[in-house]
Amino acid sequence: MKNIELKYISLTKVDPSDFKALLNKQKTREHLVEHDLFDSKRLKSWIEEKLEMDRVKGCKVRGILANDIFAGWCGIQYLDEQYEIAIVLDPKYWGLGIRVFKDVMRWAKELGHDVVFIHLLHTRPEYKFLRKVAQEVYYTNQLGSEFTTYKLNV
């Protein structure tokens, strides 16, 4: 995965069918908050919400291309009065997660954040590299699900 070129693009430049395939893929859904499958109407609303989030001060939401192929999306979002990192990759690109994380942390620094959070659904394994860099690790309940929360200094 080291030879893969990553590009971050506006969500408006991603084909909605690519988002739909990613967000409805069972392997992806296992690690996201439970939600109904996306139809065209729900997907349009979801994309509009992410585009709106991208306009919020301190936020940045982008599609990810790996060698010019859609691989997922990532960003810094403002939710529950804190900035959180979101990274959602197609399972065949999961090996790119650390590279994407480092890029998003660089964005956090550029945007002037001191602290950001990552909330990983209980279905995800603990990430040793996150525990090493985290200021604090604890468990939270949000949207009816349990998360491991990593508080990270930028």
C-alpha atoms as a PDB file:
ATOM      1  CA  MET A   1       0.000   0.000   0.000  1.00  0.00           C
ATOM      2  CA  LYS A   2       3.038   2.286   0.223  1.00  0.00           C
ATOM      3  CA  ASN A   3       3.122   2.850  -3.539  1.00  0.00           C
ATOM      4  CA  ILE A   4      -0.457   4.083  -3.630  1.00  0.00           C
ATOM      5  CA  GLU A   5      -0.921   7.791  -4.307  1.00  0.00           C
ATOM      6  CA  LEU A   6      -3.598   9.394  -2.139  1.00  0.00           C
ATOM      7  CA  LYS A   7      -5.637  12.401  -3.213  1.00  0.00           C
ATOM      8  CA  TYR A   8      -8.286  14.212  -1.204  1.00  0.00           C
ATOM      9  CA  ILE A   9     -11.124  15.710  -3.214  1.00  0.00           C
ATOM     10  CA  SER A  10     -14.343  17.600  -2.610  1.00  0.00           C
ATOM     11  CA  LEU A  11     -17.327  15.337  -2.029  1.00  0.00           C
ATOM     12  CA  THR A  12     -18.976  17.080  -4.997  1.00  0.00           C
ATOM     13  CA  LYS A  13     -16.401  15.372  -7.233  1.00  0.00           C
ATOM     14  CA  VAL A  14     -17.273  11.856  -6.013  1.00  0.00           C
ATOM     15  CA  ASP A  15     -19.864   9.857  -7.945  1.00  0.00           C
ATOM     16  CA  PRO A  16     -22.767   9.325  -5.499  1.00  0.00           C
ATOM     17  CA  SER A  17     -22.940   5.669  -6.546  1.00  0.00           C
ATOM     18  CA  ASP A  18     -19.415   5.233  -5.123  1.00  0.00           C
ATOM     19  CA  PHE A  19     -20.582   6.550  -1.737  1.00  0.00           C
ATOM     20  CA  LYS A  20     -23.670   4.357  -1.876  1.00  0.00           C
ATOM     21  CA  ALA A  21     -21.611   1.234  -2.577  1.00  0.00           C
ATOM     22  CA  LEU A  22     -19.189   2.034   0.269  1.00  0.00           C
ATOM     23  CA  LEU A  23     -21.794   2.966   2.882  1.00  0.00           C
ATOM     24  CA  ASN A  24     -24.052   0.000   2.075  1.00  0.00           C
ATOM     25  CA  LYS A  25     -21.245  -2.584   1.964  1.00  0.00           C
ATOM     26  CA  GLN A  26     -21.790  -5.079   4.801  1.00  0.00           C
ATOM     27  CA  LYS A  27     -18.112  -5.182   5.816  1.00  0.00           C
ATOM     28  CA  THR A  28     -18.106  -1.365   6.126  1.00  0.00           C
ATOM     29  CA  ARG A  29     -21.441  -1.288   7.986  1.00  0.00           C
ATOM     30  CA  GLU A  30     -20.081  -3.609  10.687  1.00  0.00           C
ATOM     31  CA  HIS A  31     -17.915  -0.729  11.928  1.00  0.00           C
ATOM     32  CA  LEU A  32     -20.371   2.158  11.589  1.00  0.00           C
ATOM     33  CA  VAL A  33     -23.293   3.255  13.719  1.00  0.00           C
ATOM     34  CA  GLU A  34     -26.259   1.121  12.722  1.00  0.00           C
ATOM     35  CA  HIS A  35     -28.238   2.751   9.931  1.00  0.00           C
ATOM     36  CA  ASP A  36     -30.665   1.780   7.203  1.00  0.00           C
ATOM     37  CA  LEU A  37     -29.260   1.063   3.786  1.00  0.00           C
ATOM     38  CA  PHE A  38     -28.848   4.192   1.707  1.00  0.00           C
ATOM     39  CA  ASP A  39     -31.252   4.796  -1.133  1.00  0.00           C
ATOM     40  CA  SER A  40     -30.807   7.756  -3.493  1.00  0.00           C
ATOM     41  CA  LYS A  41     -32.808  10.145  -1.291  1.00  0.00           C
ATOM     42  CA  ARG A  42     -30.994   9.260   1.970  1.00  0.00           C
ATOM     43  CA  LEU A  43     -27.643   9.366   0.193  1.00  0.00           C
ATOM     44  CA  LYS A  44     -28.336  12.846  -1.208  1.00  0.00           C
ATOM     45  CA  SER A  45     -29.215  14.058   2.287  1.00  0.00           C
ATOM     46  CA  TRP A  46     -26.081  12.442   3.773  1.00  0.00           C
ATOM     47  CA  ILE A  47     -23.830  14.066   1.158  1.00  0.00           C
ATOM     48  CA  GLU A  48     -25.493  17.451   1.759  1.00  0.00           C
ATOM     49  CA  GLU A  49     -24.897  17.077   5.528  1.00  0.00           C
ATOM     50  CA  LYS A  50     -21.213  16.327   4.938  1.00  0.00           C
ATOM     51  CA  LEU A  51     -20.883  19.260   2.524  1.00  0.00           C
ATOM     52  CA  GLU A  52     -22.498  21.512   5.151  1.00  0.00           C
ATOM     53  CA  MET A  53     -20.061  20.163   7.762  1.00  0.00           C
ATOM     54  CA  ASP A  54     -17.189  20.972   5.400  1.00  0.00           C
ATOM     55  CA  ARG A  55     -18.268  24.628   5.535  1.00  0.00           C
ATOM     56  CA  VAL A  56     -18.134  24.758   9.360  1.00  0.00           C
ATOM     57  CA  LYS A  57     -15.117  26.609  10.758  1.00  0.00           C
ATOM     58  CA  GLY A  58     -12.453  24.098  11.804  1.00  0.00           C
ATOM     59  CA  CYS A  59     -13.886  21.270   9.697  1.00  0.00           C
ATOM     60  CA  LYS A  60     -12.712  19.595   6.520  1.00  0.00           C
ATOM     61  CA  VAL A  61     -14.442  16.654   4.817  1.00  0.00           C
ATOM     62  CA  ARG A  62     -13.028  14.997   1.701  1.00  0.00           C
ATOM     63  CA  GLY A  63     -13.363  11.994  -0.558  1.00  0.00           C
ATOM     64  CA  ILE A  64     -10.276   9.805  -0.820  1.00  0.00           C
ATOM     65  CA  LEU A  65      -8.821   8.571  -4.088  1.00  0.00           C
ATOM     66  CA  ALA A  66      -6.182   5.835  -4.104  1.00  0.00           C
ATOM     67  CA  ASN A  67      -4.389   5.846  -7.456  1.00  0.00           C
ATOM     68  CA  ASP A  68      -7.405   7.806  -8.767  1.00  0.00           C
ATOM     69  CA  ILE A  69      -9.925   5.154  -7.587  1.00  0.00           C
ATOM     70  CA  PHE A  70     -12.501   6.007  -4.926  1.00  0.00           C
ATOM     71  CA  ALA A  71     -11.312   4.525  -1.615  1.00  0.00           C
ATOM     72  CA  GLY A  72     -13.514   6.257   0.976  1.00  0.00           C
ATOM     73  CA  TRP A  73     -13.957   9.519   2.801  1.00  0.00           C
ATOM     74  CA  CYS A  74     -12.425  11.262   5.795  1.00  0.00           C
ATOM     75  CA  GLY A  75     -12.505  14.477   7.665  1.00  0.00           C
ATOM     76  CA  ILE A  76     -12.649  16.566  10.764  1.00  0.00           C
ATOM     77  CA  GLN A  77     -16.220  17.110  11.903  1.00  0.00           C
ATOM     78  CA  TYR A  78     -17.738  19.151  14.723  1.00  0.00           C
ATOM     79  CA  LEU A  79     -20.123  16.979  16.724  1.00  0.00           C
ATOM     80  CA  ASP A  80     -21.266  17.183  20.337  1.00  0.00           C
ATOM     81  CA  GLU A  81     -19.127  20.280  20.924  1.00  0.00           C
ATOM     82  CA  GLN A  82     -15.874  18.622  19.899  1.00  0.00           C
ATOM     83  CA  TYR A  83     -13.880  18.095  16.741  1.00  0.00           C
ATOM     84  CA  GLU A  84     -13.671  14.478  15.733  1.00  0.00           C
ATOM     85  CA  ILE A  85     -11.803  12.626  13.057  1.00  0.00           C
ATOM     86  CA  ALA A  86     -13.751  10.330  10.765  1.00  0.00           C
ATOM     87  CA  ILE A  87     -12.102   7.888   8.378  1.00  0.00           C
ATOM     88  CA  VAL A  88     -14.220   5.447   6.385  1.00  0.00           C
ATOM     89  CA  LEU A  89     -12.336   3.310   3.902  1.00  0.00           C
ATOM     90  CA  ASP A  90     -13.470   0.590   1.559  1.00  0.00           C
ATOM     91  CA  PRO A  91     -12.266  -2.672   3.156  1.00  0.00           C
ATOM     92  CA  LYS A  92      -9.803  -3.299   0.327  1.00  0.00           C
ATOM     93  CA  TYR A  93      -8.060  -0.053   1.345  1.00  0.00           C
ATOM     94  CA  TRP A  94      -7.996  -0.568   5.119  1.00  0.00           C
ATOM     95  CA  GLY A  95      -4.210  -0.758   5.003  1.00  0.00           C
ATOM     96  CA  LEU A  96      -4.170   2.968   4.137  1.00  0.00           C
ATOM     97  CA  GLY A  97      -5.779   4.020   7.415  1.00  0.00           C
ATOM     98  CA  ILE A  98      -2.601   5.166   9.170  1.00  0.00           C
ATOM     99  CA  ARG A  99      -1.542   7.278   6.178  1.00  0.00           C
ATOM    100  CA  VAL A 100      -4.974   8.901   6.010  1.00  0.00           C
ATOM    101  CA  PHE A 101      -4.908   9.446   9.786  1.00  0.00           C
ATOM    102  CA  LYS A 102      -1.551  11.254   9.557  1.00  0.00           C
ATOM    103  CA  ASP A 103      -2.876  13.487   6.770  1.00  0.00           C
ATOM    104  CA  VAL A 104      -6.023  14.337   8.737  1.00  0.00           C
ATOM    105  CA  MET A 105      -3.934  15.119  11.828  1.00  0.00           C
ATOM    106  CA  ARG A 106      -1.893  17.504   9.675  1.00  0.00           C
ATOM    107  CA  TRP A 107      -5.170  19.194   8.646  1.00  0.00           C
ATOM    108  CA  ALA A 108      -6.093  19.475  12.345  1.00  0.00           C
ATOM    109  CA  LYS A 109      -2.823  21.305  12.991  1.00  0.00           C
ATOM    110  CA  GLU A 110      -3.352  23.588   9.979  1.00  0.00           C
ATOM    111  CA  LEU A 111      -6.885  24.350  11.201  1.00  0.00           C
ATOM    112  CA  GLY A 112      -5.522  25.342  14.606  1.00  0.00           C
ATOM    113  CA  HIS A 113      -6.907  22.520  16.734  1.00  0.00           C
ATOM    114  CA  ASP A 114      -5.239  21.621  20.023  1.00  0.00           C
ATOM    115  CA  VAL A 115      -7.235  18.423  20.570  1.00  0.00           C
ATOM    116  CA  VAL A 116      -9.292  16.101  18.360  1.00  0.00           C
ATOM    117  CA  PHE A 117     -11.193  12.912  19.149  1.00  0.00           C
ATOM    118  CA  ILE A 118     -11.651   9.597  17.402  1.00  0.00           C
ATOM    119  CA  HIS A 119     -14.653   7.480  18.319  1.00  0.00           C
ATOM    120  CA  LEU A 120     -14.284   3.877  17.136  1.00  0.00           C
ATOM    121  CA  LEU A 121     -17.297   1.587  17.358  1.00  0.00           C
ATOM    122  CA  HIS A 122     -16.895  -1.328  19.780  1.00  0.00           C
ATOM    123  CA  THR A 123     -16.636  -3.689  16.786  1.00  0.00           C
ATOM    124  CA  ARG A 124     -13.214  -2.228  15.955  1.00  0.00           C
ATOM    125  CA  PRO A 125     -10.090  -3.639  17.559  1.00  0.00           C
ATOM    126  CA  GLU A 126      -8.018  -1.376  19.768  1.00  0.00           C
ATOM    127  CA  TYR A 127      -5.331   0.312  17.740  1.00  0.00           C
ATOM    128  CA  LYS A 128      -1.979   0.249  19.538  1.00  0.00           C
ATOM    129  CA  PHE A 129      -0.647   3.209  17.565  1.00  0.00           C
ATOM    130  CA  LEU A 130      -3.668   5.291  18.649  1.00  0.00           C
ATOM    131  CA  ARG A 131      -3.284   4.275  22.283  1.00  0.00           C
ATOM    132  CA  LYS A 132       0.388   5.328  22.128  1.00  0.00           C
ATOM    133  CA  VAL A 133      -0.388   8.812  20.830  1.00  0.00           C
ATOM    134  CA  ALA A 134      -3.625   9.364  22.772  1.00  0.00           C
ATOM    135  CA  GLN A 135      -3.698  11.740  25.697  1.00  0.00           C
ATOM    136  CA  GLU A 136      -6.599   9.703  27.043  1.00  0.00           C
ATOM    137  CA  VAL A 137      -8.589   6.571  26.055  1.00  0.00           C
ATOM    138  CA  TYR A 138     -12.045   5.885  27.457  1.00  0.00           C
ATOM    139  CA  TYR A 139     -15.410   4.362  26.564  1.00  0.00           C
ATOM    140  CA  THR A 140     -18.464   6.348  25.540  1.00  0.00           C
ATOM    141  CA  ASN A 141     -22.033   5.659  24.499  1.00  0.00           C
ATOM    142  CA  GLN A 142     -23.401   7.621  21.568  1.00  0.00           C
ATOM    143  CA  LEU A 143     -26.393   7.023  19.346  1.00  0.00           C
ATOM    144  CA  GLY A 144     -27.131   3.816  21.246  1.00  0.00           C
ATOM    145  CA  SER A 145     -23.714   2.285  20.579  1.00  0.00           C
ATOM    146  CA  GLU A 146     -20.514   1.817  22.586  1.00  0.00           C
ATOM    147  CA  PHE A 147     -17.318   3.459  21.364  1.00  0.00           C
ATOM    148  CA  THR A 148     -13.677   3.510  22.317  1.00  0.00           C
ATOM    149  CA  THR A 149     -12.788   7.201  22.362  1.00  0.00           C
ATOM    150  CA  TYR A 150      -9.251   8.445  21.817  1.00  0.00           C
ATOM    151  CA  LYS A 151      -8.460  12.014  22.845  1.00  0.00           C
ATOM    152  CA  LEU A 152      -5.491  13.190  20.797  1.00  0.00           C
ATOM    153  CA  ASN A 153      -3.257  16.216  21.152  1.00  0.00           C
ATOM    154  CA  VAL A 154      -2.654  17.748  17.759  1.00  0.00           C
END
